[in-house]
Amino acid sequence: MSEHIIPSKNYYVIWILLLVLTGVTAWIATVDLGPLNTVVALVIATSKALIVTLFFMHVKYASEKLTKVVIIAAVFWLMILLALSMVDYGTRHFS
């Protein structure tokens, strides 16, 4: 398995992009968007996580089969956590 070589310029551009997105996150926290505050913050956080995963963890250059397996496992784990959280939330009024 050979590694994909990425020019260091790309890492600097990604780093600056992550810094800008962090600044946008801090700025958007001061703006009152009503119920959309959480949605906007989560979209920005997801974008940053996706950038880190794709480039710094080299998922962009990994085999597609491995990537699909990891994504399916992550979504499955997320569904388990959401299901358990909903069970907890749904049974709070019983006690």
PDB file of N, CA and C in Angstrom:
ATOM      1  N   MET A   1       0.849  -1.176   0.000  1.00  0.00           N
ATOM      2  CA  MET A   1       0.000   0.000   0.000  1.00  0.00           C
ATOM      3  C   MET A   1       0.890   1.233   0.000  1.00  0.00           C
ATOM      4  N   SER A   2       0.772   2.048  -1.008  1.00  0.00           N
ATOM      5  CA  SER A   2       1.581   3.252  -1.088  1.00  0.00           C
ATOM      6  C   SER A   2       0.778   4.445  -0.562  1.00  0.00           C
ATOM      7  N   GLU A   3       1.492   5.357   0.025  1.00  0.00           N
ATOM      8  CA  GLU A   3       0.842   6.534   0.566  1.00  0.00           C
ATOM      9  C   GLU A   3       0.752   7.609  -0.498  1.00  0.00           C
ATOM     10  N   HIS A   4      -0.305   8.387  -0.416  1.00  0.00           N
ATOM     11  CA  HIS A   4      -0.487   9.494  -1.336  1.00  0.00           C
ATOM     12  C   HIS A   4       0.265  10.700  -0.789  1.00  0.00           C
ATOM     13  N   ILE A   5       1.086  11.313  -1.603  1.00  0.00           N
ATOM     14  CA  ILE A   5       1.876  12.477  -1.179  1.00  0.00           C
ATOM     15  C   ILE A   5       1.082  13.744  -1.499  1.00  0.00           C
ATOM     16  N   ILE A   6       0.877  14.549  -0.474  1.00  0.00           N
ATOM     17  CA  ILE A   6       0.156  15.813  -0.632  1.00  0.00           C
ATOM     18  C   ILE A   6       1.145  16.951  -0.427  1.00  0.00           C
ATOM     19  N   PRO A   7       1.146  17.940  -1.316  1.00  0.00           N
ATOM     20  CA  PRO A   7       2.046  19.090  -1.123  1.00  0.00           C
ATOM     21  C   PRO A   7       1.731  19.821   0.182  1.00  0.00           C
ATOM     22  N   SER A   8       2.761  20.345   0.814  1.00  0.00           N
ATOM     23  CA  SER A   8       2.557  21.027   2.094  1.00  0.00           C
ATOM     24  C   SER A   8       1.705  22.283   1.932  1.00  0.00           C
ATOM     25  N   LYS A   9       1.663  22.849   0.723  1.00  0.00           N
ATOM     26  CA  LYS A   9       0.826  24.029   0.484  1.00  0.00           C
ATOM     27  C   LYS A   9      -0.645  23.702   0.770  1.00  0.00           C
ATOM     28  N   ASN A  10      -1.063  22.494   0.422  1.00  0.00           N
ATOM     29  CA  ASN A  10      -2.450  22.098   0.681  1.00  0.00           C
ATOM     30  C   ASN A  10      -2.760  22.089   2.177  1.00  0.00           C
ATOM     31  N   TYR A  11      -1.807  21.631   2.972  1.00  0.00           N
ATOM     32  CA  TYR A  11      -2.017  21.612   4.419  1.00  0.00           C
ATOM     33  C   TYR A  11      -2.146  23.027   4.984  1.00  0.00           C
ATOM     34  N   TYR A  12      -1.368  23.953   4.453  1.00  0.00           N
ATOM     35  CA  TYR A  12      -1.475  25.339   4.911  1.00  0.00           C
ATOM     36  C   TYR A  12      -2.822  25.946   4.528  1.00  0.00           C
ATOM     37  N   VAL A  13      -3.293  25.649   3.324  1.00  0.00           N
ATOM     38  CA  VAL A  13      -4.595  26.152   2.888  1.00  0.00           C
ATOM     39  C   VAL A  13      -5.709  25.559   3.754  1.00  0.00           C
ATOM     40  N   ILE A  14      -5.627  24.276   4.044  1.00  0.00           N
ATOM     41  CA  ILE A  14      -6.635  23.627   4.888  1.00  0.00           C
ATOM     42  C   ILE A  14      -6.587  24.195   6.302  1.00  0.00           C
ATOM     43  N   TRP A  15      -5.381  24.439   6.805  1.00  0.00           N
ATOM     44  CA  TRP A  15      -5.241  25.014   8.147  1.00  0.00           C
ATOM     45  C   TRP A  15      -5.882  26.400   8.207  1.00  0.00           C
ATOM     46  N   ILE A  16      -5.638  27.230   7.196  1.00  0.00           N
ATOM     47  CA  ILE A  16      -6.234  28.565   7.161  1.00  0.00           C
ATOM     48  C   ILE A  16      -7.754  28.469   7.050  1.00  0.00           C
ATOM     49  N   LEU A  17      -8.241  27.520   6.239  1.00  0.00           N
ATOM     50  CA  LEU A  17      -9.681  27.314   6.121  1.00  0.00           C
ATOM     51  C   LEU A  17     -10.297  26.921   7.461  1.00  0.00           C
ATOM     52  N   LEU A  18      -9.628  26.035   8.190  1.00  0.00           N
ATOM     53  CA  LEU A  18     -10.128  25.642   9.512  1.00  0.00           C
ATOM     54  C   LEU A  18     -10.104  26.814  10.492  1.00  0.00           C
ATOM     55  N   LEU A  19      -9.081  27.657  10.409  1.00  0.00           N
ATOM     56  CA  LEU A  19      -9.055  28.844  11.266  1.00  0.00           C
ATOM     57  C   LEU A  19     -10.192  29.803  10.922  1.00  0.00           C
ATOM     58  N   VAL A  20     -10.459  29.985   9.637  1.00  0.00           N
ATOM     59  CA  VAL A  20     -11.554  30.859   9.219  1.00  0.00           C
ATOM     60  C   VAL A  20     -12.892  30.295   9.702  1.00  0.00           C
ATOM     61  N   LEU A  21     -13.083  28.988   9.545  1.00  0.00           N
ATOM     62  CA  LEU A  21     -14.332  28.380  10.013  1.00  0.00           C
ATOM     63  C   LEU A  21     -14.479  28.469  11.531  1.00  0.00           C
ATOM     64  N   THR A  22     -13.373  28.399  12.253  1.00  0.00           N
ATOM     65  CA  THR A  22     -13.420  28.580  13.709  1.00  0.00           C
ATOM     66  C   THR A  22     -13.819  30.009  14.048  1.00  0.00           C
ATOM     67  N   GLY A  23     -13.276  30.970  13.315  1.00  0.00           N
ATOM     68  CA  GLY A  23     -13.670  32.368  13.503  1.00  0.00           C
ATOM     69  C   GLY A  23     -15.138  32.595  13.189  1.00  0.00           C
ATOM     70  N   VAL A  24     -15.627  31.958  12.120  1.00  0.00           N
ATOM     71  CA  VAL A  24     -17.047  32.063  11.769  1.00  0.00           C
ATOM     72  C   VAL A  24     -17.908  31.452  12.864  1.00  0.00           C
ATOM     73  N   THR A  25     -17.456  30.345  13.433  1.00  0.00           N
ATOM     74  CA  THR A  25     -18.195  29.722  14.535  1.00  0.00           C
ATOM     75  C   THR A  25     -18.287  30.676  15.727  1.00  0.00           C
ATOM     76  N   ALA A  26     -17.177  31.309  16.072  1.00  0.00           N
ATOM     77  CA  ALA A  26     -17.180  32.251  17.200  1.00  0.00           C
ATOM     78  C   ALA A  26     -18.052  33.466  16.891  1.00  0.00           C
ATOM     79  N   TRP A  27     -17.993  33.940  15.655  1.00  0.00           N
ATOM     80  CA  TRP A  27     -18.786  35.113  15.286  1.00  0.00           C
ATOM     81  C   TRP A  27     -20.273  34.778  15.267  1.00  0.00           C
ATOM     82  N   ILE A  28     -20.642  33.633  14.702  1.00  0.00           N
ATOM     83  CA  ILE A  28     -22.050  33.272  14.579  1.00  0.00           C
ATOM     84  C   ILE A  28     -22.678  33.030  15.950  1.00  0.00           C
ATOM     85  N   ALA A  29     -21.861  32.728  16.940  1.00  0.00           N
ATOM     86  CA  ALA A  29     -22.381  32.539  18.296  1.00  0.00           C
ATOM     87  C   ALA A  29     -22.876  33.858  18.884  1.00  0.00           C
ATOM     88  N   THR A  30     -22.401  34.984  18.369  1.00  0.00           N
ATOM     89  CA  THR A  30     -22.839  36.288  18.866  1.00  0.00           C
ATOM     90  C   THR A  30     -24.056  36.816  18.121  1.00  0.00           C
ATOM     91  N   VAL A  31     -24.419  36.167  17.008  1.00  0.00           N
ATOM     92  CA  VAL A  31     -25.564  36.600  16.202  1.00  0.00           C
ATOM     93  C   VAL A  31     -26.794  35.811  16.643  1.00  0.00           C
ATOM     94  N   ASP A  32     -27.901  36.520  16.831  1.00  0.00           N
ATOM     95  CA  ASP A  32     -29.130  35.845  17.251  1.00  0.00           C
ATOM     96  C   ASP A  32     -29.891  35.367  16.022  1.00  0.00           C
ATOM     97  N   LEU A  33     -29.852  34.073  15.792  1.00  0.00           N
ATOM     98  CA  LEU A  33     -30.570  33.473  14.672  1.00  0.00           C
ATOM     99  C   LEU A  33     -31.810  32.719  15.132  1.00  0.00           C
ATOM    100  N   GLY A  34     -32.138  32.886  16.377  1.00  0.00           N
ATOM    101  CA  GLY A  34     -33.294  32.182  16.929  1.00  0.00           C
ATOM    102  C   GLY A  34     -32.999  30.691  17.041  1.00  0.00           C
ATOM    103  N   PRO A  35     -33.934  29.871  16.578  1.00  0.00           N
ATOM    104  CA  PRO A  35     -33.729  28.423  16.691  1.00  0.00           C
ATOM    105  C   PRO A  35     -32.678  27.880  15.725  1.00  0.00           C
ATOM    106  N   LEU A  36     -32.212  28.692  14.796  1.00  0.00           N
ATOM    107  CA  LEU A  36     -31.213  28.226  13.826  1.00  0.00           C
ATOM    108  C   LEU A  36     -29.778  28.311  14.343  1.00  0.00           C
ATOM    109  N   ASN A  37     -29.566  28.882  15.523  1.00  0.00           N
ATOM    110  CA  ASN A  37     -28.206  28.966  16.076  1.00  0.00           C
ATOM    111  C   ASN A  37     -27.543  27.604  16.162  1.00  0.00           C
ATOM    112  N   THR A  38     -28.257  26.642  16.694  1.00  0.00           N
ATOM    113  CA  THR A  38     -27.702  25.295  16.850  1.00  0.00           C
ATOM    114  C   THR A  38     -27.453  24.648  15.496  1.00  0.00           C
ATOM    115  N   VAL A  39     -28.370  24.835  14.571  1.00  0.00           N
ATOM    116  CA  VAL A  39     -28.236  24.229  13.243  1.00  0.00           C
ATOM    117  C   VAL A  39     -26.999  24.775  12.524  1.00  0.00           C
ATOM    118  N   VAL A  40     -26.829  26.077  12.551  1.00  0.00           N
ATOM    119  CA  VAL A  40     -25.689  26.695  11.876  1.00  0.00           C
ATOM    120  C   VAL A  40     -24.379  26.255  12.530  1.00  0.00           C
ATOM    121  N   ALA A  41     -24.351  26.222  13.852  1.00  0.00           N
ATOM    122  CA  ALA A  41     -23.141  25.788  14.554  1.00  0.00           C
ATOM    123  C   ALA A  41     -22.805  24.332  14.218  1.00  0.00           C
ATOM    124  N   LEU A  42     -23.810  23.473  14.141  1.00  0.00           N
ATOM    125  CA  LEU A  42     -23.566  22.071  13.807  1.00  0.00           C
ATOM    126  C   LEU A  42     -23.122  21.893  12.354  1.00  0.00           C
ATOM    127  N   VAL A  43     -23.650  22.699  11.457  1.00  0.00           N
ATOM    128  CA  VAL A  43     -23.215  22.626  10.050  1.00  0.00           C
ATOM    129  C   VAL A  43     -21.747  23.024   9.929  1.00  0.00           C
ATOM    130  N   ILE A  44     -21.364  24.082  10.617  1.00  0.00           N
ATOM    131  CA  ILE A  44     -19.961  24.515  10.572  1.00  0.00           C
ATOM    132  C   ILE A  44     -19.062  23.457  11.216  1.00  0.00           C
ATOM    133  N   ALA A  45     -19.472  22.914  12.344  1.00  0.00           N
ATOM    134  CA  ALA A  45     -18.674  21.888  13.022  1.00  0.00           C
ATOM    135  C   ALA A  45     -18.552  20.629  12.173  1.00  0.00           C
ATOM    136  N   THR A  46     -19.628  20.253  11.506  1.00  0.00           N
ATOM    137  CA  THR A  46     -19.582  19.087  10.629  1.00  0.00           C
ATOM    138  C   THR A  46     -18.658  19.334   9.445  1.00  0.00           C
ATOM    139  N   SER A  47     -18.684  20.539   8.913  1.00  0.00           N
ATOM    140  CA  SER A  47     -17.785  20.885   7.808  1.00  0.00           C
ATOM    141  C   SER A  47     -16.325  20.781   8.240  1.00  0.00           C
ATOM    142  N   LYS A  48     -16.019  21.288   9.425  1.00  0.00           N
ATOM    143  CA  LYS A  48     -14.647  21.197   9.924  1.00  0.00           C
ATOM    144  C   LYS A  48     -14.241  19.751  10.153  1.00  0.00           C
ATOM    145  N   ALA A  49     -15.139  18.959  10.712  1.00  0.00           N
ATOM    146  CA  ALA A  49     -14.829  17.544  10.945  1.00  0.00           C
ATOM    147  C   ALA A  49     -14.614  16.808   9.629  1.00  0.00           C
ATOM    148  N   LEU A  50     -15.406  17.134   8.635  1.00  0.00           N
ATOM    149  CA  LEU A  50     -15.255  16.507   7.323  1.00  0.00           C
ATOM    150  C   LEU A  50     -13.922  16.868   6.681  1.00  0.00           C
ATOM    151  N   ILE A  51     -13.524  18.122   6.784  1.00  0.00           N
ATOM    152  CA  ILE A  51     -12.232  18.550   6.232  1.00  0.00           C
ATOM    153  C   ILE A  51     -11.083  17.830   6.926  1.00  0.00           C
ATOM    154  N   VAL A  52     -11.140  17.763   8.249  1.00  0.00           N
ATOM    155  CA  VAL A  52     -10.080  17.079   8.998  1.00  0.00           C
ATOM    156  C   VAL A  52     -10.035  15.600   8.628  1.00  0.00           C
ATOM    157  N   THR A  53     -11.211  14.979   8.544  1.00  0.00           N
ATOM    158  CA  THR A  53     -11.255  13.557   8.224  1.00  0.00           C
ATOM    159  C   THR A  53     -10.731  13.287   6.815  1.00  0.00           C
ATOM    160  N   LEU A  54     -11.163  14.069   5.854  1.00  0.00           N
ATOM    161  CA  LEU A  54     -10.769  13.821   4.471  1.00  0.00           C
ATOM    162  C   LEU A  54      -9.281  14.040   4.231  1.00  0.00           C
ATOM    163  N   PHE A  55      -8.739  15.118   4.768  1.00  0.00           N
ATOM    164  CA  PHE A  55      -7.370  15.483   4.408  1.00  0.00           C
ATOM    165  C   PHE A  55      -6.332  15.041   5.438  1.00  0.00           C
ATOM    166  N   PHE A  56      -6.562  15.346   6.712  1.00  0.00           N
ATOM    167  CA  PHE A  56      -5.545  15.006   7.706  1.00  0.00           C
ATOM    168  C   PHE A  56      -5.521  13.524   8.029  1.00  0.00           C
ATOM    169  N   MET A  57      -6.671  12.853   7.890  1.00  0.00           N
ATOM    170  CA  MET A  57      -6.712  11.420   8.132  1.00  0.00           C
ATOM    171  C   MET A  57      -6.591  10.631   6.829  1.00  0.00           C
ATOM    172  N   HIS A  58      -6.406  11.336   5.725  1.00  0.00           N
ATOM    173  CA  HIS A  58      -6.163  10.750   4.393  1.00  0.00           C
ATOM    174  C   HIS A  58      -7.276   9.815   3.941  1.00  0.00           C
ATOM    175  N   VAL A  59      -8.498  10.073   4.351  1.00  0.00           N
ATOM    176  CA  VAL A  59      -9.620   9.255   3.920  1.00  0.00           C
ATOM    177  C   VAL A  59      -9.939   9.525   2.452  1.00  0.00           C
ATOM    178  N   LYS A  60      -9.655  10.719   2.003  1.00  0.00           N
ATOM    179  CA  LYS A  60      -9.919  11.080   0.607  1.00  0.00           C
ATOM    180  C   LYS A  60      -9.159  10.168  -0.355  1.00  0.00           C
ATOM    181  N   TYR A  61      -8.016   9.684   0.062  1.00  0.00           N
ATOM    182  CA  TYR A  61      -7.172   8.880  -0.807  1.00  0.00           C
ATOM    183  C   TYR A  61      -7.182   7.392  -0.448  1.00  0.00           C
ATOM    184  N   ALA A  62      -8.043   6.999   0.472  1.00  0.00           N
ATOM    185  CA  ALA A  62      -8.126   5.590   0.878  1.00  0.00           C
ATOM    186  C   ALA A  62      -8.997   4.822  -0.114  1.00  0.00           C
ATOM    187  N   SER A  63      -8.992   3.517   0.020  1.00  0.00           N
ATOM    188  CA  SER A  63      -9.805   2.701  -0.872  1.00  0.00           C
ATOM    189  C   SER A  63     -11.282   2.952  -0.606  1.00  0.00           C
ATOM    190  N   GLU A  64     -12.080   2.872  -1.641  1.00  0.00           N
ATOM    191  CA  GLU A  64     -13.505   3.161  -1.502  1.00  0.00           C
ATOM    192  C   GLU A  64     -14.221   2.116  -0.657  1.00  0.00           C
ATOM    193  N   LYS A  65     -13.787   0.878  -0.725  1.00  0.00           N
ATOM    194  CA  LYS A  65     -14.421  -0.172   0.062  1.00  0.00           C
ATOM    195  C   LYS A  65     -14.232   0.073   1.553  1.00  0.00           C
ATOM    196  N   LEU A  66     -13.004   0.418   1.933  1.00  0.00           N
ATOM    197  CA  LEU A  66     -12.731   0.690   3.335  1.00  0.00           C
ATOM    198  C   LEU A  66     -13.519   1.907   3.812  1.00  0.00           C
ATOM    199  N   THR A  67     -13.586   2.932   2.989  1.00  0.00           N
ATOM    200  CA  THR A  67     -14.328   4.134   3.347  1.00  0.00           C
ATOM    201  C   THR A  67     -15.800   3.823   3.546  1.00  0.00           C
ATOM    202  N   LYS A  68     -16.373   3.013   2.665  1.00  0.00           N
ATOM    203  CA  LYS A  68     -17.787   2.648   2.797  1.00  0.00           C
ATOM    204  C   LYS A  68     -18.045   1.856   4.075  1.00  0.00           C
ATOM    205  N   VAL A  69     -17.153   0.950   4.408  1.00  0.00           N
ATOM    206  CA  VAL A  69     -17.321   0.156   5.628  1.00  0.00           C
ATOM    207  C   VAL A  69     -17.275   1.061   6.854  1.00  0.00           C
ATOM    208  N   VAL A  70     -16.351   1.992   6.883  1.00  0.00           N
ATOM    209  CA  VAL A  70     -16.231   2.904   8.024  1.00  0.00           C
ATOM    210  C   VAL A  70     -17.457   3.796   8.132  1.00  0.00           C
ATOM    211  N   ILE A  71     -17.943   4.300   7.003  1.00  0.00           N
ATOM    212  CA  ILE A  71     -19.129   5.170   7.023  1.00  0.00           C
ATOM    213  C   ILE A  71     -20.349   4.397   7.500  1.00  0.00           C
ATOM    214  N   ILE A  72     -20.529   3.181   7.006  1.00  0.00           N
ATOM    215  CA  ILE A  72     -21.669   2.365   7.430  1.00  0.00           C
ATOM    216  C   ILE A  72     -21.580   2.067   8.925  1.00  0.00           C
ATOM    217  N   ALA A  73     -20.387   1.743   9.411  1.00  0.00           N
ATOM    218  CA  ALA A  73     -20.218   1.474  10.839  1.00  0.00           C
ATOM    219  C   ALA A  73     -20.494   2.727  11.670  1.00  0.00           C
ATOM    220  N   ALA A  74     -20.045   3.886  11.197  1.00  0.00           N
ATOM    221  CA  ALA A  74     -20.272   5.132  11.930  1.00  0.00           C
ATOM    222  C   ALA A  74     -21.756   5.477  11.988  1.00  0.00           C
ATOM    223  N   VAL A  75     -22.459   5.322  10.871  1.00  0.00           N
ATOM    224  CA  VAL A  75     -23.892   5.606  10.848  1.00  0.00           C
ATOM    225  C   VAL A  75     -24.645   4.611  11.733  1.00  0.00           C
ATOM    226  N   PHE A  76     -24.245   3.349  11.704  1.00  0.00           N
ATOM    227  CA  PHE A  76     -24.870   2.340  12.564  1.00  0.00           C
ATOM    228  C   PHE A  76     -24.682   2.700  14.036  1.00  0.00           C
ATOM    229  N   TRP A  77     -23.473   3.093  14.408  1.00  0.00           N
ATOM    230  CA  TRP A  77     -23.188   3.476  15.791  1.00  0.00           C
ATOM    231  C   TRP A  77     -23.987   4.721  16.182  1.00  0.00           C
ATOM    232  N   LEU A  78     -24.109   5.683  15.263  1.00  0.00           N
ATOM    233  CA  LEU A  78     -24.900   6.876  15.523  1.00  0.00           C
ATOM    234  C   LEU A  78     -26.354   6.514  15.762  1.00  0.00           C
ATOM    235  N   MET A  79     -26.894   5.587  14.969  1.00  0.00           N
ATOM    236  CA  MET A  79     -28.285   5.156  15.145  1.00  0.00           C
ATOM    237  C   MET A  79     -28.484   4.473  16.499  1.00  0.00           C
ATOM    238  N   ILE A  80     -27.512   3.684  16.923  1.00  0.00           N
ATOM    239  CA  ILE A  80     -27.600   3.051  18.243  1.00  0.00           C
ATOM    240  C   ILE A  80     -27.642   4.120  19.338  1.00  0.00           C
ATOM    241  N   LEU A  81     -26.751   5.101  19.243  1.00  0.00           N
ATOM    242  CA  LEU A  81     -26.727   6.161  20.259  1.00  0.00           C
ATOM    243  C   LEU A  81     -28.013   6.973  20.258  1.00  0.00           C
ATOM    244  N   LEU A  82     -28.529   7.299  19.074  1.00  0.00           N
ATOM    245  CA  LEU A  82     -29.779   8.061  19.003  1.00  0.00           C
ATOM    246  C   LEU A  82     -30.952   7.236  19.541  1.00  0.00           C
ATOM    247  N   ALA A  83     -30.979   5.957  19.228  1.00  0.00           N
ATOM    248  CA  ALA A  83     -32.066   5.102  19.725  1.00  0.00           C
ATOM    249  C   ALA A  83     -32.030   5.018  21.245  1.00  0.00           C
ATOM    250  N   LEU A  84     -30.858   4.822  21.813  1.00  0.00           N
ATOM    251  CA  LEU A  84     -30.749   4.759  23.270  1.00  0.00           C
ATOM    252  C   LEU A  84     -31.108   6.096  23.919  1.00  0.00           C
ATOM    253  N   SER A  85     -30.719   7.187  23.285  1.00  0.00           N
ATOM    254  CA  SER A  85     -31.068   8.510  23.814  1.00  0.00           C
ATOM    255  C   SER A  85     -32.573   8.738  23.767  1.00  0.00           C
ATOM    256  N   MET A  86     -33.214   8.302  22.684  1.00  0.00           N
ATOM    257  CA  MET A  86     -34.658   8.479  22.569  1.00  0.00           C
ATOM    258  C   MET A  86     -35.409   7.598  23.570  1.00  0.00           C
ATOM    259  N   VAL A  87     -34.897   6.401  23.829  1.00  0.00           N
ATOM    260  CA  VAL A  87     -35.509   5.541  24.846  1.00  0.00           C
ATOM    261  C   VAL A  87     -35.410   6.208  26.210  1.00  0.00           C
ATOM    262  N   ASP A  88     -34.253   6.766  26.520  1.00  0.00           N
ATOM    263  CA  ASP A  88     -34.078   7.466  27.792  1.00  0.00           C
ATOM    264  C   ASP A  88     -35.000   8.663  27.879  1.00  0.00           C
ATOM    265  N   TYR A  89     -35.059   9.440  26.836  1.00  0.00           N
ATOM    266  CA  TYR A  89     -35.917  10.646  26.829  1.00  0.00           C
ATOM    267  C   TYR A  89     -37.390  10.270  26.901  1.00  0.00           C
ATOM    268  N   GLY A  90     -37.765   9.209  26.212  1.00  0.00           N
ATOM    269  CA  GLY A  90     -39.165   8.805  26.184  1.00  0.00           C
ATOM    270  C   GLY A  90     -39.653   8.193  27.476  1.00  0.00           C
ATOM    271  N   THR A  91     -38.767   7.681  28.308  1.00  0.00           N
ATOM    272  CA  THR A  91     -39.199   7.038  29.553  1.00  0.00           C
ATOM    273  C   THR A  91     -38.939   7.900  30.788  1.00  0.00           C
ATOM    274  N   ARG A  92     -38.626   9.142  30.623  1.00  0.00           N
ATOM    275  CA  ARG A  92     -38.355   9.995  31.783  1.00  0.00           C
ATOM    276  C   ARG A  92     -39.605  10.302  32.590  1.00  0.00           C
ATOM    277  N   HIS A  93     -40.739  10.342  31.969  1.00  0.00           N
ATOM    278  CA  HIS A  93     -41.961  10.693  32.702  1.00  0.00           C
ATOM    279  C   HIS A  93     -42.477   9.549  33.579  1.00  0.00           C
ATOM    280  N   PHE A  94     -41.926   8.351  33.460  1.00  0.00           N
ATOM    281  CA  PHE A  94     -42.373   7.211  34.256  1.00  0.00           C
ATOM    282  C   PHE A  94     -41.868   7.282  35.698  1.00  0.00           C
ATOM    283  N   SER A  95     -40.785   7.955  35.962  1.00  0.00           N
ATOM    284  CA  SER A  95     -40.224   7.923  37.317  1.00  0.00           C
ATOM    285  C   SER A  95     -40.620   9.112  38.146  1.00  0.00           C
TER     286      SER A  95
END
